[in-house]
Amino acid sequence: MDNMITGVLSATLFIAFAAGLAESINAIPFMIIVAIVSVMLLVDLVQSIKQGFSGKDQQRDD
């Protein structure tokens, strides 16, 4: 659960910062790069959250 909270918070902060920077620079290639990286970040975040809820990565106390 902690990983989900920190992942969503960090993704939100990164996207807000990078989108603001892309808007202030106002260069189309940079905007495209920011958009692609943001989509990859969100896909990885969703996959990590799903994997965390499936329990495959959790340690067991054997």
Protein backbone atom coordinates (compact mmCIF):
# COMPACT_ATOMS: atom_id res chain seq x y z
CA MET A 1 0.00 0.00 0.00
CA ASP A 2 2.88 2.37 0.76
CA ASN A 3 4.36 1.73 -2.68
CA MET A 4 1.05 2.64 -4.31
CA ILE A 5 0.79 5.93 -2.42
CA THR A 6 4.38 6.96 -3.09
CA GLY A 7 4.17 5.83 -6.71
CA VAL A 8 1.04 7.85 -7.43
CA LEU A 9 2.41 10.88 -5.59
CA SER A 10 5.75 10.79 -7.39
CA ALA A 11 4.12 10.21 -10.79
CA THR A 12 1.80 13.17 -10.22
CA LEU A 13 4.66 15.44 -9.18
CA PHE A 14 6.83 14.39 -12.12
CA ILE A 15 4.05 14.86 -14.68
CA ALA A 16 3.12 18.26 -13.26
CA PHE A 17 6.75 19.41 -13.33
CA ALA A 18 7.55 18.00 -16.78
CA ALA A 19 4.32 19.29 -18.33
CA GLY A 20 4.94 22.76 -16.91
CA LEU A 21 8.49 22.71 -18.19
CA ALA A 22 7.34 21.56 -21.64
CA GLU A 23 4.76 24.32 -21.73
CA SER A 24 7.26 26.99 -20.74
CA ILE A 25 9.88 25.81 -23.24
CA ASN A 26 7.18 25.55 -25.93
CA ALA A 27 9.11 23.20 -28.21
CA ILE A 28 7.08 20.52 -29.95
CA PRO A 29 9.76 17.78 -29.87
CA PHE A 30 10.24 18.25 -26.12
CA MET A 31 6.47 18.09 -25.58
CA ILE A 32 6.33 14.82 -27.49
CA ILE A 33 9.17 13.37 -25.41
CA VAL A 34 7.47 14.43 -22.17
CA ALA A 35 4.18 12.87 -23.31
CA ILE A 36 5.84 9.56 -24.25
CA VAL A 37 7.83 9.37 -21.01
CA SER A 38 4.71 10.20 -18.98
CA VAL A 39 2.72 7.43 -20.66
CA MET A 40 5.54 4.94 -20.02
CA LEU A 41 5.66 6.07 -16.38
CA LEU A 42 1.93 5.53 -15.95
CA VAL A 43 2.03 2.10 -17.62
CA ASP A 44 4.86 1.00 -15.35
CA LEU A 45 3.03 2.37 -12.30
CA VAL A 46 -0.14 0.45 -13.14
CA GLN A 47 1.83 -2.76 -13.73
CA SER A 48 3.69 -2.33 -10.44
CA ILE A 49 0.47 -1.73 -8.52
CA LYS A 50 -1.17 -4.79 -10.09
CA GLN A 51 1.87 -6.92 -9.26
CA GLY A 52 1.84 -5.64 -5.69
CA PHE A 53 -1.81 -6.57 -5.22
CA SER A 54 -1.36 -10.01 -6.76
CA GLY A 55 1.05 -10.94 -3.96
CA LYS A 56 3.80 -12.37 -6.17
CA ASP A 57 6.44 -10.02 -4.77
CA GLN A 58 5.53 -10.25 -1.11
CA GLN A 59 7.92 -11.96 1.28
CA ARG A 60 6.66 -14.85 3.35
CA ASP A 61 7.57 -15.56 6.92
CA ASP A 62 8.36 -19.31 6.59
